[in-house]
Amino acid sequence: MKNLFCLLFALLCMLTAGCTFERIYVGSSDGISRMVLMLEPRFWYGAKVSNTPGISYMARQGKFLYAARRVSKGCYGVDSYQILKNGDLKALNSFTIPGKTGYCHISLSADGKFLFGSSYSGAFVDLLSLNSDGRIIKLHKRYFFSGRSVHKRQKKSHPHFASQTPDGKMILVADLGSDRIHTFKYDAVEGALPEKSIAVTPGAGPRHLSFSEDGKFFFAANELNNTVTSFTLGQGKIKMIDSCSLLPDSWKGTSYAGAIKTIPGNRLCVTNRGHDSIAVVKFDPQGKLKLEKIFSAAGNFPYDLEYINGKLFLVNMRSDTFSDWTEKNNDWKINDKGTIRRPMCVVAAEKR
């Protein structure tokens, strides 16, 4: 049966070779799935491309894909893959993370030399050195963080995100536990050189960051108070500008901000996990924020999202669903929904 499915899938790929499509990879508790959205005519089809379970986050650069995952209780790692022309994944190598905690988020340096891995439970950020062939070489450096804040979940540092700035000069770390944004100077040899940090609103819990297209601002999705905060980002100087809620005034329940992505029109899309919605926030030329719209995620606990060519791709972890959306007449409409067991992350692949 498996061989028959592979044969039919290959035949479908051949028949649709001249069509326009978009491809995403979804990481879940069951592995990595390649989902392909055919645009002419419009339909989804997909296939499992890695059976390695426990995927927590993925990052892609060029023809290489990296996946952080839990191997077994107390054992964590990162796998590297080469993306083949047909979208399949060729396993390159695996790296076992030293210690008993894994990465909740990973990202890559623009020059392809380093992977940044953030450990929420371990209170550290790792820099893994990478080879030009995509393989992970070794643990280059580990940076530990300390501090706490006012929320019951902020008794210690919890780095939740580390990424290079668009100009490549800095690395920013969002520390949910200490309510701080840490800054590092990026160095192609050392990887990162610690500089300073900036405090955010006590109890906010910065989780993930996103950058404006012109590189002048960055934005923090604050998990614990379900807000977004804007910051200036220029010449290595960071200054907090504005914050706004991601929830309707009438909401009285529990909700946590999750993933954040910058989309065209000087806007942000942020997931509300609990309210089970997507908030769209507008920012003006000064970085001031305004909640523009909230729409249902059509699922339970929207965990991660990606924006590609006018379409929003979303995974809802607790309802085991993924979906794609388009914006029409200032309203977001769901196009299709699929099922994947406990999806955690989604990354884009190239458009063909």
C-alpha atoms as a PDB file:
ATOM      1  CA  MET A   1       0.000   0.000   0.000  1.00  0.00           C
ATOM      2  CA  LYS A   2       2.838   2.379   0.865  1.00  0.00           C
ATOM      3  CA  ASN A   3       4.568   1.677  -2.468  1.00  0.00           C
ATOM      4  CA  LEU A   4       1.292   2.257  -4.311  1.00  0.00           C
ATOM      5  CA  PHE A   5       0.837   5.600  -2.569  1.00  0.00           C
ATOM      6  CA  CYS A   6       4.404   6.666  -3.444  1.00  0.00           C
ATOM      7  CA  LEU A   7       3.811   5.670  -7.073  1.00  0.00           C
ATOM      8  CA  LEU A   8       0.555   7.633  -7.267  1.00  0.00           C
ATOM      9  CA  PHE A   9       2.175  10.626  -5.595  1.00  0.00           C
ATOM     10  CA  ALA A  10       5.084  10.569  -8.054  1.00  0.00           C
ATOM     11  CA  LEU A  11       2.631  10.335 -10.946  1.00  0.00           C
ATOM     12  CA  LEU A  12       0.710  13.307  -9.596  1.00  0.00           C
ATOM     13  CA  CYS A  13       3.936  15.309  -9.386  1.00  0.00           C
ATOM     14  CA  MET A  14       4.690  14.489 -13.036  1.00  0.00           C
ATOM     15  CA  LEU A  15       1.203  15.404 -14.196  1.00  0.00           C
ATOM     16  CA  THR A  16       1.288  18.728 -12.365  1.00  0.00           C
ATOM     17  CA  ALA A  17       4.872  19.606 -13.258  1.00  0.00           C
ATOM     18  CA  GLY A  18       3.774  22.506 -15.437  1.00  0.00           C
ATOM     19  CA  CYS A  19       1.292  23.899 -12.926  1.00  0.00           C
ATOM     20  CA  THR A  20       1.780  26.692 -10.442  1.00  0.00           C
ATOM     21  CA  PHE A  21       2.049  25.580  -6.824  1.00  0.00           C
ATOM     22  CA  GLU A  22       3.292  26.577  -3.405  1.00  0.00           C
ATOM     23  CA  ARG A  23       4.907  24.206  -0.949  1.00  0.00           C
ATOM     24  CA  ILE A  24       5.153  24.278   2.829  1.00  0.00           C
ATOM     25  CA  TYR A  25       6.645  21.924   5.392  1.00  0.00           C
ATOM     26  CA  VAL A  26       4.730  21.200   8.587  1.00  0.00           C
ATOM     27  CA  GLY A  27       6.542  19.857  11.643  1.00  0.00           C
ATOM     28  CA  SER A  28       4.494  17.785  14.078  1.00  0.00           C
ATOM     29  CA  SER A  29       4.633  15.074  16.715  1.00  0.00           C
ATOM     30  CA  ASP A  30       4.696  12.530  13.866  1.00  0.00           C
ATOM     31  CA  GLY A  31       7.503  14.049  11.772  1.00  0.00           C
ATOM     32  CA  ILE A  32       7.682  16.437   8.816  1.00  0.00           C
ATOM     33  CA  SER A  33       5.050  16.588   6.080  1.00  0.00           C
ATOM     34  CA  ARG A  34       5.394  18.289   2.724  1.00  0.00           C
ATOM     35  CA  MET A  35       2.131  19.972   1.814  1.00  0.00           C
ATOM     36  CA  VAL A  36       1.690  21.257  -1.713  1.00  0.00           C
ATOM     37  CA  LEU A  37      -0.988  23.749  -2.706  1.00  0.00           C
ATOM     38  CA  MET A  38      -1.846  23.533  -6.380  1.00  0.00           C
ATOM     39  CA  LEU A  39      -3.100  26.870  -7.647  1.00  0.00           C
ATOM     40  CA  GLU A  40      -4.352  25.939 -11.126  1.00  0.00           C
ATOM     41  CA  PRO A  41      -6.626  24.098 -10.405  1.00  0.00           C
ATOM     42  CA  ARG A  42      -6.651  24.684  -6.659  1.00  0.00           C
ATOM     43  CA  PHE A  43      -6.215  21.698  -4.330  1.00  0.00           C
ATOM     44  CA  TRP A  44      -3.910  20.385  -1.575  1.00  0.00           C
ATOM     45  CA  TYR A  45      -1.910  17.194  -1.580  1.00  0.00           C
ATOM     46  CA  GLY A  46       0.790  16.049   0.815  1.00  0.00           C
ATOM     47  CA  ALA A  47       3.243  13.361   1.880  1.00  0.00           C
ATOM     48  CA  LYS A  48       5.354  12.515   4.901  1.00  0.00           C
ATOM     49  CA  VAL A  49       9.002  13.333   4.138  1.00  0.00           C
ATOM     50  CA  SER A  50      10.491  12.522   7.550  1.00  0.00           C
ATOM     51  CA  ASN A  51       9.206  10.116  10.199  1.00  0.00           C
ATOM     52  CA  THR A  52      11.387  11.540  12.975  1.00  0.00           C
ATOM     53  CA  PRO A  53       8.858  12.361  15.723  1.00  0.00           C
ATOM     54  CA  GLY A  54       8.634  15.225  18.185  1.00  0.00           C
ATOM     55  CA  ILE A  55       9.395  18.195  15.920  1.00  0.00           C
ATOM     56  CA  SER A  56       9.329  21.434  17.950  1.00  0.00           C
ATOM     57  CA  TYR A  57      10.543  24.008  15.404  1.00  0.00           C
ATOM     58  CA  MET A  58      12.071  24.236  11.939  1.00  0.00           C
ATOM     59  CA  ALA A  59      14.137  26.719   9.949  1.00  0.00           C
ATOM     60  CA  ARG A  60      14.942  26.780   6.258  1.00  0.00           C
ATOM     61  CA  GLN A  61      17.604  28.548   4.227  1.00  0.00           C
ATOM     62  CA  GLY A  62      18.041  27.873   0.528  1.00  0.00           C
ATOM     63  CA  LYS A  63      18.147  24.141  -0.095  1.00  0.00           C
ATOM     64  CA  PHE A  64      18.673  23.205   3.574  1.00  0.00           C
ATOM     65  CA  LEU A  65      16.062  22.533   6.262  1.00  0.00           C
ATOM     66  CA  TYR A  66      16.761  22.125   9.981  1.00  0.00           C
ATOM     67  CA  ALA A  67      14.406  20.588  12.517  1.00  0.00           C
ATOM     68  CA  ALA A  68      14.678  20.671  16.310  1.00  0.00           C
ATOM     69  CA  ARG A  69      13.089  17.642  17.909  1.00  0.00           C
ATOM     70  CA  ARG A  70      12.753  15.499  20.998  1.00  0.00           C
ATOM     71  CA  VAL A  71      14.303  12.072  20.528  1.00  0.00           C
ATOM     72  CA  SER A  72      13.114  10.565  23.803  1.00  0.00           C
ATOM     73  CA  LYS A  73      12.556  11.753  27.350  1.00  0.00           C
ATOM     74  CA  GLY A  74      15.492  13.927  28.324  1.00  0.00           C
ATOM     75  CA  CYS A  75      17.182  13.623  24.908  1.00  0.00           C
ATOM     76  CA  TYR A  76      16.942  16.345  22.271  1.00  0.00           C
ATOM     77  CA  GLY A  77      18.567  17.080  18.929  1.00  0.00           C
ATOM     78  CA  VAL A  78      18.594  18.937  15.627  1.00  0.00           C
ATOM     79  CA  ASP A  79      18.449  17.232  12.225  1.00  0.00           C
ATOM     80  CA  SER A  80      19.722  18.740   8.983  1.00  0.00           C
ATOM     81  CA  TYR A  81      18.211  17.958   5.574  1.00  0.00           C
ATOM     82  CA  GLN A  82      18.806  18.849   1.962  1.00  0.00           C
ATOM     83  CA  ILE A  83      15.653  19.804   0.081  1.00  0.00           C
ATOM     84  CA  LEU A  84      15.624  17.917  -3.215  1.00  0.00           C
ATOM     85  CA  LYS A  85      14.134  19.289  -6.418  1.00  0.00           C
ATOM     86  CA  ASN A  86      10.912  17.331  -5.965  1.00  0.00           C
ATOM     87  CA  GLY A  87      10.552  18.600  -2.392  1.00  0.00           C
ATOM     88  CA  ASP A  88      11.670  15.397  -0.667  1.00  0.00           C
ATOM     89  CA  LEU A  89      14.136  15.671   2.203  1.00  0.00           C
ATOM     90  CA  LYS A  90      17.542  14.002   2.165  1.00  0.00           C
ATOM     91  CA  ALA A  91      18.852  13.488   5.710  1.00  0.00           C
ATOM     92  CA  LEU A  92      22.347  14.937   6.138  1.00  0.00           C
ATOM     93  CA  ASN A  93      23.214  14.499   9.806  1.00  0.00           C
ATOM     94  CA  SER A  94      21.899  14.795  13.357  1.00  0.00           C
ATOM     95  CA  PHE A  95      23.223  16.688  16.343  1.00  0.00           C
ATOM     96  CA  THR A  96      22.455  15.718  19.938  1.00  0.00           C
ATOM     97  CA  ILE A  97      22.008  18.781  22.140  1.00  0.00           C
ATOM     98  CA  PRO A  98      24.227  18.544  25.255  1.00  0.00           C
ATOM     99  CA  GLY A  99      22.178  18.446  28.461  1.00  0.00           C
ATOM    100  CA  LYS A 100      18.570  17.580  29.200  1.00  0.00           C
ATOM    101  CA  THR A 101      16.686  20.370  27.425  1.00  0.00           C
ATOM    102  CA  GLY A 102      16.019  21.089  23.772  1.00  0.00           C
ATOM    103  CA  TYR A 103      15.226  24.062  21.575  1.00  0.00           C
ATOM    104  CA  CYS A 104      11.809  25.701  21.399  1.00  0.00           C
ATOM    105  CA  HIS A 105      12.992  27.899  18.514  1.00  0.00           C
ATOM    106  CA  ILE A 106      15.769  27.815  15.923  1.00  0.00           C
ATOM    107  CA  SER A 107      16.951  30.252  13.257  1.00  0.00           C
ATOM    108  CA  LEU A 108      19.903  30.577  10.890  1.00  0.00           C
ATOM    109  CA  SER A 109      22.507  33.257  10.248  1.00  0.00           C
ATOM    110  CA  ALA A 110      22.244  34.902   6.837  1.00  0.00           C
ATOM    111  CA  ASP A 111      25.701  33.646   5.848  1.00  0.00           C
ATOM    112  CA  GLY A 112      24.730  30.046   6.662  1.00  0.00           C
ATOM    113  CA  LYS A 113      27.527  29.629   9.224  1.00  0.00           C
ATOM    114  CA  PHE A 114      25.470  29.277  12.401  1.00  0.00           C
ATOM    115  CA  LEU A 115      22.218  27.939  13.789  1.00  0.00           C
ATOM    116  CA  PHE A 116      20.791  29.729  16.825  1.00  0.00           C
ATOM    117  CA  GLY A 117      18.896  27.438  19.217  1.00  0.00           C
ATOM    118  CA  SER A 118      16.842  28.847  22.108  1.00  0.00           C
ATOM    119  CA  SER A 119      16.211  26.668  25.162  1.00  0.00           C
ATOM    120  CA  TYR A 120      13.204  27.811  27.198  1.00  0.00           C
ATOM    121  CA  SER A 121      13.761  25.315  30.023  1.00  0.00           C
ATOM    122  CA  GLY A 122      17.570  25.433  29.988  1.00  0.00           C
ATOM    123  CA  ALA A 123      17.842  29.251  30.053  1.00  0.00           C
ATOM    124  CA  PHE A 124      20.455  29.275  27.285  1.00  0.00           C
ATOM    125  CA  VAL A 125      20.954  30.005  23.603  1.00  0.00           C
ATOM    126  CA  ASP A 126      23.285  27.767  21.586  1.00  0.00           C
ATOM    127  CA  LEU A 127      25.263  28.630  18.490  1.00  0.00           C
ATOM    128  CA  LEU A 128      25.809  25.549  16.336  1.00  0.00           C
ATOM    129  CA  SER A 129      28.417  25.867  13.597  1.00  0.00           C
ATOM    130  CA  LEU A 130      27.311  24.683  10.147  1.00  0.00           C
ATOM    131  CA  ASN A 131      29.220  23.366   7.158  1.00  0.00           C
ATOM    132  CA  SER A 132      28.670  24.743   3.658  1.00  0.00           C
ATOM    133  CA  ASP A 133      27.091  21.405   2.706  1.00  0.00           C
ATOM    134  CA  GLY A 134      24.363  21.949   5.310  1.00  0.00           C
ATOM    135  CA  ARG A 135      25.691  19.576   7.943  1.00  0.00           C
ATOM    136  CA  ILE A 136      25.878  20.550  11.613  1.00  0.00           C
ATOM    137  CA  ILE A 137      29.484  20.548  12.788  1.00  0.00           C
ATOM    138  CA  LYS A 138      29.466  21.160  16.533  1.00  0.00           C
ATOM    139  CA  LEU A 139      28.297  23.273  19.445  1.00  0.00           C
ATOM    140  CA  HIS A 140      30.235  26.482  18.878  1.00  0.00           C
ATOM    141  CA  LYS A 141      29.139  28.391  21.972  1.00  0.00           C
ATOM    142  CA  ARG A 142      26.455  28.395  24.671  1.00  0.00           C
ATOM    143  CA  TYR A 143      25.179  31.552  26.346  1.00  0.00           C
ATOM    144  CA  PHE A 144      23.346  31.226  29.679  1.00  0.00           C
ATOM    145  CA  PHE A 145      20.861  33.846  30.868  1.00  0.00           C
ATOM    146  CA  SER A 146      19.553  34.767  34.301  1.00  0.00           C
ATOM    147  CA  GLY A 147      16.843  36.946  35.771  1.00  0.00           C
ATOM    148  CA  ARG A 148      13.176  36.787  36.680  1.00  0.00           C
ATOM    149  CA  SER A 149      10.064  38.934  36.639  1.00  0.00           C
ATOM    150  CA  VAL A 150       6.617  39.294  38.196  1.00  0.00           C
ATOM    151  CA  HIS A 151       4.526  36.519  36.577  1.00  0.00           C
ATOM    152  CA  LYS A 152       4.299  33.062  38.144  1.00  0.00           C
ATOM    153  CA  ARG A 153       5.995  31.629  35.038  1.00  0.00           C
ATOM    154  CA  GLN A 154       8.887  34.077  35.331  1.00  0.00           C
ATOM    155  CA  LYS A 155      10.871  32.620  38.212  1.00  0.00           C
ATOM    156  CA  LYS A 156      13.902  32.200  35.927  1.00  0.00           C
ATOM    157  CA  SER A 157      15.144  33.171  32.487  1.00  0.00           C
ATOM    158  CA  HIS A 158      13.317  31.602  29.530  1.00  0.00           C
ATOM    159  CA  PRO A 159      14.924  32.475  26.171  1.00  0.00           C
ATOM    160  CA  HIS A 160      12.249  31.759  23.565  1.00  0.00           C
ATOM    161  CA  PHE A 161      13.648  33.285  20.364  1.00  0.00           C
ATOM    162  CA  ALA A 162      17.032  34.240  18.886  1.00  0.00           C
ATOM    163  CA  SER A 163      17.494  35.687  15.415  1.00  0.00           C
ATOM    164  CA  GLN A 164      19.803  37.849  13.362  1.00  0.00           C
ATOM    165  CA  THR A 165      18.545  41.321  12.439  1.00  0.00           C
ATOM    166  CA  PRO A 166      17.825  42.038   8.745  1.00  0.00           C
ATOM    167  CA  ASP A 167      21.056  44.033   8.348  1.00  0.00           C
ATOM    168  CA  GLY A 168      23.024  41.096   9.751  1.00  0.00           C
ATOM    169  CA  LYS A 169      24.768  43.179  12.395  1.00  0.00           C
ATOM    170  CA  MET A 170      22.986  41.985  15.529  1.00  0.00           C
ATOM    171  CA  ILE A 171      21.336  38.996  17.152  1.00  0.00           C
ATOM    172  CA  LEU A 172      18.268  39.619  19.296  1.00  0.00           C
ATOM    173  CA  VAL A 173      17.130  37.233  22.031  1.00  0.00           C
ATOM    174  CA  ALA A 174      13.609  37.418  23.468  1.00  0.00           C
ATOM    175  CA  ASP A 175      13.695  36.325  27.125  1.00  0.00           C
ATOM    176  CA  LEU A 176      10.175  35.496  28.263  1.00  0.00           C
ATOM    177  CA  GLY A 177      11.300  34.784  31.826  1.00  0.00           C
ATOM    178  CA  SER A 178      13.106  38.030  32.603  1.00  0.00           C
ATOM    179  CA  ASP A 179      11.070  40.413  30.411  1.00  0.00           C
ATOM    180  CA  ARG A 180      14.145  41.478  28.490  1.00  0.00           C
ATOM    181  CA  ILE A 181      15.425  41.681  24.922  1.00  0.00           C
ATOM    182  CA  HIS A 182      19.122  40.791  24.845  1.00  0.00           C
ATOM    183  CA  THR A 183      21.369  42.128  22.093  1.00  0.00           C
ATOM    184  CA  PHE A 184      24.512  40.575  20.631  1.00  0.00           C
ATOM    185  CA  LYS A 185      26.851  41.794  17.934  1.00  0.00           C
ATOM    186  CA  TYR A 186      27.087  39.248  15.124  1.00  0.00           C
ATOM    187  CA  ASP A 187      30.600  38.121  14.227  1.00  0.00           C
ATOM    188  CA  ALA A 188      31.302  35.702  11.371  1.00  0.00           C
ATOM    189  CA  VAL A 189      34.057  34.002  13.402  1.00  0.00           C
ATOM    190  CA  GLU A 190      32.849  34.203  17.005  1.00  0.00           C
ATOM    191  CA  GLY A 191      29.201  34.003  16.083  1.00  0.00           C
ATOM    192  CA  ALA A 192      27.933  36.373  18.741  1.00  0.00           C
ATOM    193  CA  LEU A 193      29.421  38.975  21.076  1.00  0.00           C
ATOM    194  CA  PRO A 194      27.223  39.956  24.059  1.00  0.00           C
ATOM    195  CA  GLU A 195      26.339  43.639  24.313  1.00  0.00           C
ATOM    196  CA  LYS A 196      23.353  44.735  26.419  1.00  0.00           C
ATOM    197  CA  SER A 197      19.651  44.208  27.056  1.00  0.00           C
ATOM    198  CA  ILE A 198      16.494  46.258  27.297  1.00  0.00           C
ATOM    199  CA  ALA A 199      13.628  45.715  29.728  1.00  0.00           C
ATOM    200  CA  VAL A 200      10.021  45.457  28.547  1.00  0.00           C
ATOM    201  CA  THR A 201       6.792  45.810  30.535  1.00  0.00           C
ATOM    202  CA  PRO A 202       6.907  43.599  33.665  1.00  0.00           C
ATOM    203  CA  GLY A 203       4.805  40.477  33.159  1.00  0.00           C
ATOM    204  CA  ALA A 204       4.691  40.851  29.369  1.00  0.00           C
ATOM    205  CA  GLY A 205       6.798  37.784  28.517  1.00  0.00           C
ATOM    206  CA  PRO A 206       8.323  38.488  25.064  1.00  0.00           C
ATOM    207  CA  ARG A 207       8.091  35.244  23.090  1.00  0.00           C
ATOM    208  CA  HIS A 208       8.797  35.788  19.374  1.00  0.00           C
ATOM    209  CA  LEU A 209      10.047  38.753  17.337  1.00  0.00           C
ATOM    210  CA  SER A 210       9.443  39.983  13.800  1.00  0.00           C
ATOM    211  CA  PHE A 211      11.067  42.758  11.768  1.00  0.00           C
ATOM    212  CA  SER A 212       9.672  45.494   9.539  1.00  0.00           C
ATOM    213  CA  GLU A 213      10.505  45.193   5.850  1.00  0.00           C
ATOM    214  CA  ASP A 214      12.704  48.323   5.943  1.00  0.00           C
ATOM    215  CA  GLY A 215      14.569  47.101   9.035  1.00  0.00           C
ATOM    216  CA  LYS A 216      13.737  50.199  11.102  1.00  0.00           C
ATOM    217  CA  PHE A 217      11.556  48.410  13.649  1.00  0.00           C
ATOM    218  CA  PHE A 218      11.076  45.082  15.332  1.00  0.00           C
ATOM    219  CA  PHE A 219       8.038  43.774  17.175  1.00  0.00           C
ATOM    220  CA  ALA A 220       7.627  41.425  20.124  1.00  0.00           C
ATOM    221  CA  ALA A 221       4.665  39.100  20.590  1.00  0.00           C
ATOM    222  CA  ASN A 222       4.298  39.099  24.382  1.00  0.00           C
ATOM    223  CA  GLU A 223       2.947  35.731  25.456  1.00  0.00           C
ATOM    224  CA  LEU A 224       1.884  36.384  29.039  1.00  0.00           C
ATOM    225  CA  ASN A 225      -0.110  39.621  28.690  1.00  0.00           C
ATOM    226  CA  ASN A 226      -1.196  38.878  25.092  1.00  0.00           C
ATOM    227  CA  THR A 227       0.137  42.119  23.614  1.00  0.00           C
ATOM    228  CA  VAL A 228       2.540  43.237  20.896  1.00  0.00           C
ATOM    229  CA  THR A 229       5.278  45.836  21.457  1.00  0.00           C
ATOM    230  CA  SER A 230       7.178  47.867  18.870  1.00  0.00           C
ATOM    231  CA  PHE A 231      10.841  48.903  19.087  1.00  0.00           C
ATOM    232  CA  THR A 232      13.162  51.026  17.004  1.00  0.00           C
ATOM    233  CA  LEU A 233      16.065  49.172  15.445  1.00  0.00           C
ATOM    234  CA  GLY A 234      18.762  51.412  14.020  1.00  0.00           C
ATOM    235  CA  GLN A 235      22.547  51.647  14.350  1.00  0.00           C
ATOM    236  CA  GLY A 236      22.533  49.159  17.212  1.00  0.00           C
ATOM    237  CA  LYS A 237      20.205  51.259  19.369  1.00  0.00           C
ATOM    238  CA  ILE A 238      16.959  49.802  20.651  1.00  0.00           C
ATOM    239  CA  LYS A 239      14.101  51.826  22.112  1.00  0.00           C
ATOM    240  CA  MET A 240      10.606  50.686  23.072  1.00  0.00           C
ATOM    241  CA  ILE A 241       7.902  52.694  21.270  1.00  0.00           C
ATOM    242  CA  ASP A 242       4.390  51.369  21.783  1.00  0.00           C
ATOM    243  CA  SER A 243       2.247  48.402  22.863  1.00  0.00           C
ATOM    244  CA  CYS A 244      -1.265  47.267  22.142  1.00  0.00           C
ATOM    245  CA  SER A 245      -3.549  44.415  23.137  1.00  0.00           C
ATOM    246  CA  LEU A 246      -4.226  41.581  20.702  1.00  0.00           C
ATOM    247  CA  LEU A 247      -7.621  40.758  22.215  1.00  0.00           C
ATOM    248  CA  PRO A 248     -11.082  42.337  22.153  1.00  0.00           C
ATOM    249  CA  ASP A 249     -11.959  44.455  25.189  1.00  0.00           C
ATOM    250  CA  SER A 250     -14.784  42.070  26.055  1.00  0.00           C
ATOM    251  CA  TRP A 251     -12.511  39.006  26.367  1.00  0.00           C
ATOM    252  CA  LYS A 252     -12.245  37.690  29.948  1.00  0.00           C
ATOM    253  CA  GLY A 253     -10.644  34.304  29.416  1.00  0.00           C
ATOM    254  CA  THR A 254      -7.022  33.112  29.299  1.00  0.00           C
ATOM    255  CA  SER A 255      -5.032  33.595  26.128  1.00  0.00           C
ATOM    256  CA  TYR A 256      -1.379  33.706  25.145  1.00  0.00           C
ATOM    257  CA  ALA A 257       0.254  35.460  22.202  1.00  0.00           C
ATOM    258  CA  GLY A 258       2.272  33.077  20.065  1.00  0.00           C
ATOM    259  CA  ALA A 259       3.803  33.425  16.618  1.00  0.00           C
ATOM    260  CA  ILE A 260       4.222  36.781  14.884  1.00  0.00           C
ATOM    261  CA  LYS A 261       4.898  37.608  11.233  1.00  0.00           C
ATOM    262  CA  THR A 262       5.235  40.921   9.376  1.00  0.00           C
ATOM    263  CA  ILE A 263       2.993  41.109   6.307  1.00  0.00           C
ATOM    264  CA  PRO A 264       2.687  43.728   3.539  1.00  0.00           C
ATOM    265  CA  GLY A 265       1.028  47.052   4.289  1.00  0.00           C
ATOM    266  CA  ASN A 266       3.014  47.712   7.485  1.00  0.00           C
ATOM    267  CA  ARG A 267       1.037  45.082   9.371  1.00  0.00           C
ATOM    268  CA  LEU A 268       1.601  42.188  11.732  1.00  0.00           C
ATOM    269  CA  CYS A 269      -0.213  38.884  12.129  1.00  0.00           C
ATOM    270  CA  VAL A 270      -0.074  37.391  15.636  1.00  0.00           C
ATOM    271  CA  THR A 271      -1.670  34.192  16.954  1.00  0.00           C
ATOM    272  CA  ASN A 272      -3.849  34.265  20.084  1.00  0.00           C
ATOM    273  CA  ARG A 273      -3.703  30.849  21.749  1.00  0.00           C
ATOM    274  CA  GLY A 274      -6.765  30.546  23.963  1.00  0.00           C
ATOM    275  CA  HIS A 275      -8.875  33.143  22.215  1.00  0.00           C
ATOM    276  CA  ASP A 276      -8.048  30.992  19.159  1.00  0.00           C
ATOM    277  CA  SER A 277      -7.754  33.865  16.744  1.00  0.00           C
ATOM    278  CA  ILE A 278      -5.351  35.832  14.592  1.00  0.00           C
ATOM    279  CA  ALA A 279      -4.818  39.522  15.377  1.00  0.00           C
ATOM    280  CA  VAL A 280      -3.825  41.924  12.605  1.00  0.00           C
ATOM    281  CA  VAL A 281      -1.949  44.992  13.884  1.00  0.00           C
ATOM    282  CA  LYS A 282      -1.051  48.085  11.859  1.00  0.00           C
ATOM    283  CA  PHE A 283       2.112  50.105  12.557  1.00  0.00           C
ATOM    284  CA  ASP A 284       2.661  53.650  11.311  1.00  0.00           C
ATOM    285  CA  PRO A 285       5.944  55.294  10.140  1.00  0.00           C
ATOM    286  CA  GLN A 286       6.787  56.113  13.767  1.00  0.00           C
ATOM    287  CA  GLY A 287       6.176  52.565  14.982  1.00  0.00           C
ATOM    288  CA  LYS A 288       2.878  53.321  16.727  1.00  0.00           C
ATOM    289  CA  LEU A 289       0.528  50.342  16.860  1.00  0.00           C
ATOM    290  CA  LYS A 290      -3.190  49.910  16.232  1.00  0.00           C
ATOM    291  CA  LEU A 291      -5.231  46.722  16.400  1.00  0.00           C
ATOM    292  CA  GLU A 292      -6.847  46.512  12.969  1.00  0.00           C
ATOM    293  CA  LYS A 293      -8.715  43.204  12.972  1.00  0.00           C
ATOM    294  CA  ILE A 294      -9.224  39.918  14.815  1.00  0.00           C
ATOM    295  CA  PHE A 295     -10.469  36.828  12.997  1.00  0.00           C
ATOM    296  CA  SER A 296     -11.059  33.246  14.087  1.00  0.00           C
ATOM    297  CA  ALA A 297      -8.243  30.731  13.609  1.00  0.00           C
ATOM    298  CA  ALA A 298     -10.836  28.063  12.700  1.00  0.00           C
ATOM    299  CA  GLY A 299      -9.093  25.710  15.109  1.00  0.00           C
ATOM    300  CA  ASN A 300      -7.821  25.214  18.634  1.00  0.00           C
ATOM    301  CA  PHE A 301      -4.564  26.812  19.851  1.00  0.00           C
ATOM    302  CA  PRO A 302      -3.041  28.472  16.734  1.00  0.00           C
ATOM    303  CA  TYR A 303       0.633  27.723  17.259  1.00  0.00           C
ATOM    304  CA  ASP A 304       2.598  28.899  14.230  1.00  0.00           C
ATOM    305  CA  LEU A 305       2.020  30.740  10.972  1.00  0.00           C
ATOM    306  CA  GLU A 306       3.769  31.706   7.738  1.00  0.00           C
ATOM    307  CA  TYR A 307       2.940  34.317   5.111  1.00  0.00           C
ATOM    308  CA  ILE A 308       3.752  33.525   1.472  1.00  0.00           C
ATOM    309  CA  ASN A 309       2.729  35.457  -1.620  1.00  0.00           C
ATOM    310  CA  GLY A 310      -0.476  36.890  -0.182  1.00  0.00           C
ATOM    311  CA  LYS A 311      -1.477  33.713   1.663  1.00  0.00           C
ATOM    312  CA  LEU A 312      -1.409  32.940   5.362  1.00  0.00           C
ATOM    313  CA  PHE A 313      -0.569  29.373   6.390  1.00  0.00           C
ATOM    314  CA  LEU A 314      -1.558  28.386   9.921  1.00  0.00           C
ATOM    315  CA  VAL A 315      -1.240  25.337  12.189  1.00  0.00           C
ATOM    316  CA  ASN A 316      -3.619  24.747  15.118  1.00  0.00           C
ATOM    317  CA  MET A 317      -1.871  22.441  17.552  1.00  0.00           C
ATOM    318  CA  ARG A 318      -4.741  21.168  19.710  1.00  0.00           C
ATOM    319  CA  SER A 319      -7.227  20.618  16.897  1.00  0.00           C
ATOM    320  CA  ASP A 320      -4.614  18.837  14.724  1.00  0.00           C
ATOM    321  CA  THR A 321      -5.271  21.092  11.726  1.00  0.00           C
ATOM    322  CA  PHE A 322      -3.465  23.279   9.236  1.00  0.00           C
ATOM    323  CA  SER A 323      -5.133  25.808   6.948  1.00  0.00           C
ATOM    324  CA  ASP A 324      -4.442  28.494   4.372  1.00  0.00           C
ATOM    325  CA  TRP A 325      -6.099  31.911   4.178  1.00  0.00           C
ATOM    326  CA  THR A 326      -6.347  34.816   1.775  1.00  0.00           C
ATOM    327  CA  GLU A 327      -7.392  38.403   2.367  1.00  0.00           C
ATOM    328  CA  LYS A 328     -10.300  39.732   0.314  1.00  0.00           C
ATOM    329  CA  ASN A 329     -11.953  43.106   0.776  1.00  0.00           C
ATOM    330  CA  ASN A 330     -10.162  43.660   4.085  1.00  0.00           C
ATOM    331  CA  ASP A 331     -11.381  40.324   5.411  1.00  0.00           C
ATOM    332  CA  TRP A 332      -9.531  37.043   5.850  1.00  0.00           C
ATOM    333  CA  LYS A 333     -11.186  33.943   4.428  1.00  0.00           C
ATOM    334  CA  ILE A 334     -10.150  30.339   4.952  1.00  0.00           C
ATOM    335  CA  ASN A 335      -9.584  28.408   1.724  1.00  0.00           C
ATOM    336  CA  ASP A 336      -8.824  24.848   2.799  1.00  0.00           C
ATOM    337  CA  LYS A 337      -8.167  22.906   5.974  1.00  0.00           C
ATOM    338  CA  GLY A 338      -6.215  19.675   6.459  1.00  0.00           C
ATOM    339  CA  THR A 339      -5.399  17.333   9.338  1.00  0.00           C
ATOM    340  CA  ILE A 340      -1.960  16.698  10.848  1.00  0.00           C
ATOM    341  CA  ARG A 341      -1.448  15.251  14.323  1.00  0.00           C
ATOM    342  CA  ARG A 342      -0.294  17.903  16.794  1.00  0.00           C
ATOM    343  CA  PRO A 343       1.354  20.328  14.341  1.00  0.00           C
ATOM    344  CA  MET A 344       3.917  22.645  15.926  1.00  0.00           C
ATOM    345  CA  CYS A 345       5.515  24.674  13.137  1.00  0.00           C
ATOM    346  CA  VAL A 346       5.314  25.590   9.479  1.00  0.00           C
ATOM    347  CA  VAL A 347       8.023  26.867   7.099  1.00  0.00           C
ATOM    348  CA  ALA A 348       7.830  27.996   3.500  1.00  0.00           C
ATOM    349  CA  ALA A 349       9.422  26.429   0.485  1.00  0.00           C
ATOM    350  CA  GLU A 350       9.910  28.016  -2.926  1.00  0.00           C
ATOM    351  CA  LYS A 351       7.068  28.890  -5.273  1.00  0.00           C
ATOM    352  CA  ARG A 352       7.073  27.182  -8.688  1.00  0.00           C
END
